Amino acid sequence: MVELWQAHGWQVTTQATNAPGHATTLAQQAATAGHQVVLAAGGDGTLGEVANGLAGTETIMAPLPMGTANSFARELLMPLPNRLEKYKLREAAQTLLAGRVQYMDIGWLEDEKGHGRNWLLWAGTGVDGYLVNRVEPRPRWSKRLGRLGYYIQSLAAAPHVPTMKGIVEVDGVCYEDNFVLALISNCRLYAGGQIVLSPDACLDDGLVEVWLFRGNGLADTVQFLYEAKFARHHHHPNVTHVDGRAITIRATPPAPCQTDGDKAGYTPLHFSVKTRALRLLAPQTAPTDLFSLPGEPLPGSS
């Protein structure tokens, strides 16, 4: 991929990550050094880390799908490489070179002690927070199997999914019940890109989509996932959907949380929206209605 960008007149430096959170550090260093673009080569967790480092800066994040699920790349309709079709990685890079720079909202998570971080796509408690805390960091055998390895680990942990007794406050309105999932979404797709959760979501409108799935245990979880897979979750009597800007989640006992598929601590947690805080290089393939504002040409593009 380096050669492709160099052929278009770009100076490119590559650096591998070596630990959780390292992508955030590298992104911060790139922004401080005044680099125009950071190519985030990885999955949704890597994108979340890079966005955390670039939020509020002028440096542009360019997503290059090289992860397990690549949910955000699916949302952007990018070519997805695999072991048999590695050439699609070059195609994905070409869609970025022909893309537009868009501003995108990002989420902010903060705990009771005031420690916080940015997140890009989702923040969730309940079943997904529990599974992420059980599965991550993934062992080497699971990573080699890709999506299948993640499914195997999740199925092994699924029978032990607890019910979350929680209070979710959205812009001052409280929802109290037993939840199998309380999800804050900043995008349209969910579950590795397999579920269209919020089909009308806009990435730069200053709002997140809050989804509350009320129920108990594994049986209700499976039912909700089935309903969502076939786009029937919008009208389910035990599903609440509301847009918001400031959300607080409390649970008894404290429940684990995930952001962008990575561990993110335990409730109580506070979430908010940073409107158009990230400059994103949206590929040429991205649906135009993902954004409310028009994009700008990539600097230096012809």
Foldseek 3Di string as FASTA:
>chain_A
DCVVVVVLVDDDDDDDDDDPLRLLVVLLVCQVVPHAEDEQEEALSSVFSNCQNCFQGNHAYEYQYDYQLRQVCVQLVQQHDDPVRNVSSVRRVVLLQVFFKDFFKWKKKAAPVGDITIFHWKKKWALLLVLLVQCPPHDPVLRVVRPVSSVVSSVVCQQVGFWWQKWKAFPRDIDTATFNMWMKGLGQADDSNQFRQHVQHAGFPQKIKIKTAHDGGRVSVVVLVVCRNVPNNVPDPRMDIDIHFKMFMATVVWTWMDGSSHTDGTDRMIMGMDGSRHIYSRGNSGDPSNHPDDGHNRPSRD
